[in-house]
Amino acid sequence: MTHAVLFDVDGTLVDSTYPHTLAWWQAFRRADLDVPMWRLHRCIGMGPDQLVPAVTDADVDVDALAESHDAIYSTFWPSLRALPGARDLVRRCHDSGLVTVLASSAGSREVQVIRGLLDCDDALDHATSSDDADDSKPAPDLVSVAVRRAGVDAAEVVFVGDAVWDVHACVEAGVTCIGLECGGTSAAELEEAGAAAVFRDPADLLARIGSSPLGTSQGEPVASPSRVTT
């Protein structure tokens, strides 16, 4: 039985994967490093400590690059938008009795911006930020912190994310993961990483929530087999 749902933010609830990609690309360019955008996009969802060494062998100051990325990315904040169905999905889960956690690895200021954008604080029970974990995804630390905030066992939690790094972290933490394609990662890749089900975006998950791993919390049986793809 599912008792809590953890929501990733970037590429899952907010259409921000590609702004993050562009911000990293510009940050590397400022450091005189030319990293192709496709490589950066593949690593969005990792923290800077994981992303930087994954895309370059150069001896660089990770903290300085991260600060540059954050400054550039903040210029996109006014144009960010919630993905279709994001707000309604969070409210539906909360209204069904699930503990809802915004499991973000963003900085505290960015989390506040995101919460304002989503405009559903009354449907969120807890939230995390980058301050809550030493190691970023694909390490399981942040997922485990979010599970503890929810106050339930990992086996009673479903995580909703968009990147293979979300799925890897959930596998390590013993948490079921639903994948969404709206961050730019294919269903095949999410499934291969271990996602229990894959949907197009929050609106698609909301429309078919009864046939997802969240279905048991809605008074409906989970579909068999559990993997549901678009």
C-alpha atoms as a PDB file:
ATOM      1  CA  MET A   1       0.000   0.000   0.000  1.00  0.00           C
ATOM      2  CA  THR A   2       1.319   3.439  -0.929  1.00  0.00           C
ATOM      3  CA  HIS A   3       1.265   6.044   1.844  1.00  0.00           C
ATOM      4  CA  ALA A   4       3.515   8.786   0.440  1.00  0.00           C
ATOM      5  CA  VAL A   5       4.561  10.249  -2.888  1.00  0.00           C
ATOM      6  CA  LEU A   6       7.808  12.101  -3.555  1.00  0.00           C
ATOM      7  CA  PHE A   7       7.923  14.531  -6.459  1.00  0.00           C
ATOM      8  CA  ASP A   8      11.083  15.477  -8.299  1.00  0.00           C
ATOM      9  CA  VAL A   9      10.832  19.015  -9.650  1.00  0.00           C
ATOM     10  CA  ASP A  10      12.988  19.826 -12.684  1.00  0.00           C
ATOM     11  CA  GLY A  11      11.583  18.121 -15.762  1.00  0.00           C
ATOM     12  CA  THR A  12       8.882  16.444 -13.645  1.00  0.00           C
ATOM     13  CA  LEU A  13       6.645  19.216 -12.316  1.00  0.00           C
ATOM     14  CA  VAL A  14       8.403  22.195 -13.907  1.00  0.00           C
ATOM     15  CA  ASP A  15       9.491  22.583 -17.547  1.00  0.00           C
ATOM     16  CA  SER A  16      13.070  23.436 -16.640  1.00  0.00           C
ATOM     17  CA  THR A  17      15.314  20.684 -18.005  1.00  0.00           C
ATOM     18  CA  TYR A  18      16.346  22.610 -21.083  1.00  0.00           C
ATOM     19  CA  PRO A  19      16.922  25.933 -19.264  1.00  0.00           C
ATOM     20  CA  HIS A  20      19.210  23.976 -16.923  1.00  0.00           C
ATOM     21  CA  THR A  21      21.010  22.536 -19.955  1.00  0.00           C
ATOM     22  CA  LEU A  22      21.523  25.979 -21.450  1.00  0.00           C
ATOM     23  CA  ALA A  23      22.683  27.425 -18.125  1.00  0.00           C
ATOM     24  CA  TRP A  24      25.301  24.686 -17.735  1.00  0.00           C
ATOM     25  CA  TRP A  25      26.427  25.141 -21.346  1.00  0.00           C
ATOM     26  CA  GLN A  26      26.951  28.861 -20.770  1.00  0.00           C
ATOM     27  CA  ALA A  27      28.704  28.251 -17.446  1.00  0.00           C
ATOM     28  CA  PHE A  28      31.186  25.916 -19.116  1.00  0.00           C
ATOM     29  CA  ARG A  29      31.717  28.397 -21.947  1.00  0.00           C
ATOM     30  CA  ARG A  30      32.544  31.085 -19.382  1.00  0.00           C
ATOM     31  CA  ALA A  31      35.185  28.694 -18.044  1.00  0.00           C
ATOM     32  CA  ASP A  32      36.588  28.286 -21.587  1.00  0.00           C
ATOM     33  CA  LEU A  33      35.227  24.758 -21.886  1.00  0.00           C
ATOM     34  CA  ASP A  34      33.071  23.687 -24.825  1.00  0.00           C
ATOM     35  CA  VAL A  35      30.743  20.888 -23.669  1.00  0.00           C
ATOM     36  CA  PRO A  36      28.052  19.877 -26.194  1.00  0.00           C
ATOM     37  CA  MET A  37      24.508  20.481 -25.015  1.00  0.00           C
ATOM     38  CA  TRP A  38      23.446  16.898 -25.676  1.00  0.00           C
ATOM     39  CA  ARG A  39      25.977  15.657 -23.143  1.00  0.00           C
ATOM     40  CA  LEU A  40      24.767  18.168 -20.587  1.00  0.00           C
ATOM     41  CA  HIS A  41      21.115  17.311 -21.154  1.00  0.00           C
ATOM     42  CA  ARG A  42      21.881  13.646 -20.522  1.00  0.00           C
ATOM     43  CA  CYS A  43      23.242  14.588 -17.086  1.00  0.00           C
ATOM     44  CA  ILE A  44      20.525  16.978 -15.907  1.00  0.00           C
ATOM     45  CA  GLY A  45      19.197  15.569 -12.659  1.00  0.00           C
ATOM     46  CA  MET A  46      22.681  14.961 -11.295  1.00  0.00           C
ATOM     47  CA  GLY A  47      24.104  17.402  -8.779  1.00  0.00           C
ATOM     48  CA  PRO A  48      27.142  19.490  -9.783  1.00  0.00           C
ATOM     49  CA  ASP A  49      29.453  17.087  -7.940  1.00  0.00           C
ATOM     50  CA  GLN A  50      28.303  14.325 -10.287  1.00  0.00           C
ATOM     51  CA  LEU A  51      27.557  16.286 -13.462  1.00  0.00           C
ATOM     52  CA  VAL A  52      30.854  18.141 -13.907  1.00  0.00           C
ATOM     53  CA  PRO A  53      33.166  15.098 -13.837  1.00  0.00           C
ATOM     54  CA  ALA A  54      30.680  13.208 -16.012  1.00  0.00           C
ATOM     55  CA  VAL A  55      31.060  15.684 -18.898  1.00  0.00           C
ATOM     56  CA  THR A  56      34.684  16.824 -18.664  1.00  0.00           C
ATOM     57  CA  ASP A  57      38.091  15.533 -17.606  1.00  0.00           C
ATOM     58  CA  ALA A  58      39.381  19.090 -17.224  1.00  0.00           C
ATOM     59  CA  ASP A  59      40.689  20.241 -13.857  1.00  0.00           C
ATOM     60  CA  VAL A  60      37.930  22.699 -12.945  1.00  0.00           C
ATOM     61  CA  ASP A  61      36.517  24.318  -9.834  1.00  0.00           C
ATOM     62  CA  VAL A  62      33.185  22.525  -9.458  1.00  0.00           C
ATOM     63  CA  ASP A  63      31.854  25.024  -6.931  1.00  0.00           C
ATOM     64  CA  ALA A  64      32.697  27.970  -9.185  1.00  0.00           C
ATOM     65  CA  LEU A  65      31.014  26.291 -12.145  1.00  0.00           C
ATOM     66  CA  ALA A  66      27.952  25.538 -10.045  1.00  0.00           C
ATOM     67  CA  GLU A  67      27.734  29.147  -8.882  1.00  0.00           C
ATOM     68  CA  SER A  68      27.990  30.319 -12.491  1.00  0.00           C
ATOM     69  CA  HIS A  69      25.240  27.913 -13.530  1.00  0.00           C
ATOM     70  CA  ASP A  70      23.009  29.053 -10.665  1.00  0.00           C
ATOM     71  CA  ALA A  71      23.452  32.720 -11.566  1.00  0.00           C
ATOM     72  CA  ILE A  72      22.631  32.083 -15.220  1.00  0.00           C
ATOM     73  CA  TYR A  73      19.743  29.760 -14.422  1.00  0.00           C
ATOM     74  CA  SER A  74      18.166  32.322 -12.090  1.00  0.00           C
ATOM     75  CA  THR A  75      17.603  34.574 -15.116  1.00  0.00           C
ATOM     76  CA  PHE A  76      15.183  31.940 -16.417  1.00  0.00           C
ATOM     77  CA  TRP A  77      13.061  31.906 -13.268  1.00  0.00           C
ATOM     78  CA  PRO A  78      10.475  34.452 -14.518  1.00  0.00           C
ATOM     79  CA  SER A  79       9.830  32.355 -17.648  1.00  0.00           C
ATOM     80  CA  LEU A  80       9.542  28.938 -15.990  1.00  0.00           C
ATOM     81  CA  ARG A  81       6.194  27.175 -16.201  1.00  0.00           C
ATOM     82  CA  ALA A  82       4.635  24.215 -14.442  1.00  0.00           C
ATOM     83  CA  LEU A  83       4.185  21.219 -16.730  1.00  0.00           C
ATOM     84  CA  PRO A  84       0.618  20.260 -17.755  1.00  0.00           C
ATOM     85  CA  GLY A  85      -1.257  18.652 -14.877  1.00  0.00           C
ATOM     86  CA  ALA A  86       1.525  19.191 -12.320  1.00  0.00           C
ATOM     87  CA  ARG A  87      -0.465  21.196  -9.798  1.00  0.00           C
ATOM     88  CA  ASP A  88      -3.561  19.014 -10.140  1.00  0.00           C
ATOM     89  CA  LEU A  89      -1.510  15.826  -9.727  1.00  0.00           C
ATOM     90  CA  VAL A  90      -0.007  17.039  -6.459  1.00  0.00           C
ATOM     91  CA  ARG A  91      -3.440  18.060  -5.169  1.00  0.00           C
ATOM     92  CA  ARG A  92      -5.022  14.764  -6.229  1.00  0.00           C
ATOM     93  CA  CYS A  93      -2.375  12.788  -4.348  1.00  0.00           C
ATOM     94  CA  HIS A  94      -2.702  14.967  -1.252  1.00  0.00           C
ATOM     95  CA  ASP A  95      -6.509  14.834  -1.293  1.00  0.00           C
ATOM     96  CA  SER A  96      -6.393  11.036  -1.531  1.00  0.00           C
ATOM     97  CA  GLY A  97      -4.561  10.935   1.800  1.00  0.00           C
ATOM     98  CA  LEU A  98      -0.978  10.528   0.624  1.00  0.00           C
ATOM     99  CA  VAL A  99       1.850  12.357   2.357  1.00  0.00           C
ATOM    100  CA  THR A 100       3.246  14.594  -0.384  1.00  0.00           C
ATOM    101  CA  VAL A 101       6.902  15.621  -0.459  1.00  0.00           C
ATOM    102  CA  LEU A 102       8.610  17.986  -2.896  1.00  0.00           C
ATOM    103  CA  ALA A 103      11.875  16.064  -3.201  1.00  0.00           C
ATOM    104  CA  SER A 104      14.021  18.762  -4.758  1.00  0.00           C
ATOM    105  CA  SER A 105      17.807  18.935  -4.852  1.00  0.00           C
ATOM    106  CA  ALA A 106      17.722  22.639  -5.755  1.00  0.00           C
ATOM    107  CA  GLY A 107      19.021  25.376  -3.503  1.00  0.00           C
ATOM    108  CA  SER A 108      16.688  26.830  -0.894  1.00  0.00           C
ATOM    109  CA  ARG A 109      16.012  30.056  -2.848  1.00  0.00           C
ATOM    110  CA  GLU A 110      15.167  28.117  -5.989  1.00  0.00           C
ATOM    111  CA  VAL A 111      12.861  25.822  -4.018  1.00  0.00           C
ATOM    112  CA  GLN A 112      10.916  28.864  -2.852  1.00  0.00           C
ATOM    113  CA  VAL A 113      10.608  30.082  -6.446  1.00  0.00           C
ATOM    114  CA  ILE A 114       9.378  26.648  -7.513  1.00  0.00           C
ATOM    115  CA  ARG A 115       6.842  26.474  -4.707  1.00  0.00           C
ATOM    116  CA  GLY A 116       5.481  29.851  -5.741  1.00  0.00           C
ATOM    117  CA  LEU A 117       5.259  28.688  -9.349  1.00  0.00           C
ATOM    118  CA  LEU A 118       3.414  25.485  -8.445  1.00  0.00           C
ATOM    119  CA  ASP A 119       1.031  27.389  -6.145  1.00  0.00           C
ATOM    120  CA  CYS A 120      -0.028  24.319  -4.179  1.00  0.00           C
ATOM    121  CA  ASP A 121       1.738  24.707  -0.831  1.00  0.00           C
ATOM    122  CA  ASP A 122      -1.436  23.662   0.953  1.00  0.00           C
ATOM    123  CA  ALA A 123      -1.099  20.266  -0.770  1.00  0.00           C
ATOM    124  CA  LEU A 124       2.578  19.781   0.153  1.00  0.00           C
ATOM    125  CA  ASP A 125       3.460  18.236   3.495  1.00  0.00           C
ATOM    126  CA  HIS A 126       7.249  18.485   3.258  1.00  0.00           C
ATOM    127  CA  ALA A 127      10.030  19.666   0.969  1.00  0.00           C
ATOM    128  CA  THR A 128      13.758  19.056   0.617  1.00  0.00           C
ATOM    129  CA  SER A 129      16.602  21.082  -0.860  1.00  0.00           C
ATOM    130  CA  SER A 130      20.287  20.624  -1.670  1.00  0.00           C
ATOM    131  CA  ASP A 131      21.067  21.424   1.983  1.00  0.00           C
ATOM    132  CA  ASP A 132      19.560  18.093   3.049  1.00  0.00           C
ATOM    133  CA  ALA A 133      21.997  15.640   1.418  1.00  0.00           C
ATOM    134  CA  ASP A 134      25.767  15.422   1.013  1.00  0.00           C
ATOM    135  CA  ASP A 135      25.713  13.355  -2.182  1.00  0.00           C
ATOM    136  CA  SER A 136      23.418  14.138  -5.109  1.00  0.00           C
ATOM    137  CA  LYS A 137      21.585  11.767  -7.441  1.00  0.00           C
ATOM    138  CA  PRO A 138      22.202   9.100  -8.628  1.00  0.00           C
ATOM    139  CA  ALA A 139      23.242   8.578  -4.971  1.00  0.00           C
ATOM    140  CA  PRO A 140      20.157   7.686  -2.905  1.00  0.00           C
ATOM    141  CA  ASP A 141      20.758  10.255  -0.134  1.00  0.00           C
ATOM    142  CA  LEU A 142      18.105  12.816  -1.064  1.00  0.00           C
ATOM    143  CA  VAL A 143      15.475  10.152  -1.726  1.00  0.00           C
ATOM    144  CA  SER A 144      16.187   8.605   1.675  1.00  0.00           C
ATOM    145  CA  VAL A 145      15.907  12.010   3.356  1.00  0.00           C
ATOM    146  CA  ALA A 146      12.542  12.596   1.656  1.00  0.00           C
ATOM    147  CA  VAL A 147      11.327   9.169   2.796  1.00  0.00           C
ATOM    148  CA  ARG A 148      12.255  10.003   6.385  1.00  0.00           C
ATOM    149  CA  ARG A 149      10.424  13.339   6.096  1.00  0.00           C
ATOM    150  CA  ALA A 150       7.343  11.450   4.954  1.00  0.00           C
ATOM    151  CA  GLY A 151       7.553   9.284   8.078  1.00  0.00           C
ATOM    152  CA  VAL A 152       6.862   5.970   6.332  1.00  0.00           C
ATOM    153  CA  ASP A 153       8.830   2.947   5.153  1.00  0.00           C
ATOM    154  CA  ALA A 154      10.546   3.070   1.753  1.00  0.00           C
ATOM    155  CA  ALA A 155       8.317   0.231   0.547  1.00  0.00           C
ATOM    156  CA  GLU A 156       5.272   2.479   1.101  1.00  0.00           C
ATOM    157  CA  VAL A 157       6.604   5.310  -1.070  1.00  0.00           C
ATOM    158  CA  VAL A 158       6.330   6.130  -4.768  1.00  0.00           C
ATOM    159  CA  PHE A 159       8.743   8.625  -6.350  1.00  0.00           C
ATOM    160  CA  VAL A 160       7.783  10.524  -9.505  1.00  0.00           C
ATOM    161  CA  GLY A 161      10.774  11.671 -11.577  1.00  0.00           C
ATOM    162  CA  ASP A 162      11.955  12.241 -15.131  1.00  0.00           C
ATOM    163  CA  ALA A 163      15.614  11.193 -15.269  1.00  0.00           C
ATOM    164  CA  VAL A 164      17.442   7.889 -15.143  1.00  0.00           C
ATOM    165  CA  TRP A 165      19.309   9.370 -12.167  1.00  0.00           C
ATOM    166  CA  ASP A 166      16.004   9.567 -10.286  1.00  0.00           C
ATOM    167  CA  VAL A 167      15.367   5.912 -11.033  1.00  0.00           C
ATOM    168  CA  HIS A 168      18.881   4.819 -10.012  1.00  0.00           C
ATOM    169  CA  ALA A 169      18.582   6.711  -6.728  1.00  0.00           C
ATOM    170  CA  CYS A 170      15.197   5.127  -6.027  1.00  0.00           C
ATOM    171  CA  VAL A 171      16.489   1.619  -6.749  1.00  0.00           C
ATOM    172  CA  GLU A 172      19.284   2.192  -4.228  1.00  0.00           C
ATOM    173  CA  ALA A 173      16.834   3.570  -1.668  1.00  0.00           C
ATOM    174  CA  GLY A 174      14.291   0.764  -2.136  1.00  0.00           C
ATOM    175  CA  VAL A 175      11.607   3.124  -3.465  1.00  0.00           C
ATOM    176  CA  THR A 176       9.259   2.494  -6.409  1.00  0.00           C
ATOM    177  CA  CYS A 177       9.787   5.047  -9.186  1.00  0.00           C
ATOM    178  CA  ILE A 178       7.364   6.321 -11.813  1.00  0.00           C
ATOM    179  CA  GLY A 179       9.121   7.877 -14.794  1.00  0.00           C
ATOM    180  CA  LEU A 180       7.848  10.811 -16.848  1.00  0.00           C
ATOM    181  CA  GLU A 181       9.105  11.527 -20.372  1.00  0.00           C
ATOM    182  CA  CYS A 182       8.567  15.304 -20.145  1.00  0.00           C
ATOM    183  CA  GLY A 183      12.179  15.900 -19.067  1.00  0.00           C
ATOM    184  CA  GLY A 184      13.411  14.590 -22.403  1.00  0.00           C
ATOM    185  CA  THR A 185      14.327  11.011 -21.445  1.00  0.00           C
ATOM    186  CA  SER A 186      12.634   8.217 -23.375  1.00  0.00           C
ATOM    187  CA  ALA A 187      10.350   5.598 -21.880  1.00  0.00           C
ATOM    188  CA  ALA A 188      12.783   2.888 -22.986  1.00  0.00           C
ATOM    189  CA  GLU A 189      15.651   4.461 -21.043  1.00  0.00           C
ATOM    190  CA  LEU A 190      13.545   5.001 -17.936  1.00  0.00           C
ATOM    191  CA  GLU A 191      12.282   1.428 -18.055  1.00  0.00           C
ATOM    192  CA  GLU A 192      15.772   0.040 -18.557  1.00  0.00           C
ATOM    193  CA  ALA A 193      16.946   1.996 -15.507  1.00  0.00           C
ATOM    194  CA  GLY A 194      14.219   0.319 -13.434  1.00  0.00           C
ATOM    195  CA  ALA A 195      11.142   2.578 -13.543  1.00  0.00           C
ATOM    196  CA  ALA A 196       8.013   0.639 -12.547  1.00  0.00           C
ATOM    197  CA  ALA A 197       5.833   2.663 -14.943  1.00  0.00           C
ATOM    198  CA  VAL A 198       6.331   5.463 -17.446  1.00  0.00           C
ATOM    199  CA  PHE A 199       3.924   8.217 -18.466  1.00  0.00           C
ATOM    200  CA  ARG A 200       4.209  11.158 -20.830  1.00  0.00           C
ATOM    201  CA  ASP A 201       3.838  13.976 -18.276  1.00  0.00           C
ATOM    202  CA  PRO A 202       1.970  14.818 -15.034  1.00  0.00           C
ATOM    203  CA  ALA A 203      -1.318  15.223 -16.910  1.00  0.00           C
ATOM    204  CA  ASP A 204      -0.985  11.751 -18.423  1.00  0.00           C
ATOM    205  CA  LEU A 205      -0.163  10.230 -15.025  1.00  0.00           C
ATOM    206  CA  LEU A 206      -3.138  12.035 -13.469  1.00  0.00           C
ATOM    207  CA  ALA A 207      -5.480  10.789 -16.210  1.00  0.00           C
ATOM    208  CA  ARG A 208      -4.346   7.183 -15.690  1.00  0.00           C
ATOM    209  CA  ILE A 209      -3.471   7.285 -12.010  1.00  0.00           C
ATOM    210  CA  GLY A 210      -5.552   4.203 -11.254  1.00  0.00           C
ATOM    211  CA  SER A 211      -3.354   2.074 -13.529  1.00  0.00           C
ATOM    212  CA  SER A 212      -0.132   3.398 -12.014  1.00  0.00           C
ATOM    213  CA  PRO A 213       1.758   2.368  -8.878  1.00  0.00           C
ATOM    214  CA  LEU A 214      -0.200   5.181  -7.198  1.00  0.00           C
ATOM    215  CA  GLY A 215      -3.453   3.365  -7.997  1.00  0.00           C
ATOM    216  CA  THR A 216      -3.759   1.563  -4.677  1.00  0.00           C
ATOM    217  CA  SER A 217      -3.857   4.912  -2.902  1.00  0.00           C
ATOM    218  CA  GLN A 218      -6.804   5.982  -5.044  1.00  0.00           C
ATOM    219  CA  GLY A 219      -8.964   2.993  -4.088  1.00  0.00           C
ATOM    220  CA  GLU A 220      -8.210   1.297  -7.403  1.00  0.00           C
ATOM    221  CA  PRO A 221      -6.054  -1.769  -8.128  1.00  0.00           C
ATOM    222  CA  VAL A 222      -2.645  -1.384  -9.715  1.00  0.00           C
ATOM    223  CA  ALA A 223      -2.625  -2.610 -13.289  1.00  0.00           C
ATOM    224  CA  SER A 224      -0.945  -5.920 -14.015  1.00  0.00           C
ATOM    225  CA  PRO A 225       1.699  -5.813 -15.298  1.00  0.00           C
ATOM    226  CA  SER A 226       2.709  -2.693 -13.369  1.00  0.00           C
ATOM    227  CA  ARG A 227       4.707  -1.170 -16.196  1.00  0.00           C
ATOM    228  CA  VAL A 228       2.532   1.268 -18.103  1.00  0.00           C
ATOM    229  CA  THR A 229       4.004   3.162 -21.025  1.00  0.00           C
ATOM    230  CA  THR A 230       2.741   5.610 -23.570  1.00  0.00           C
END
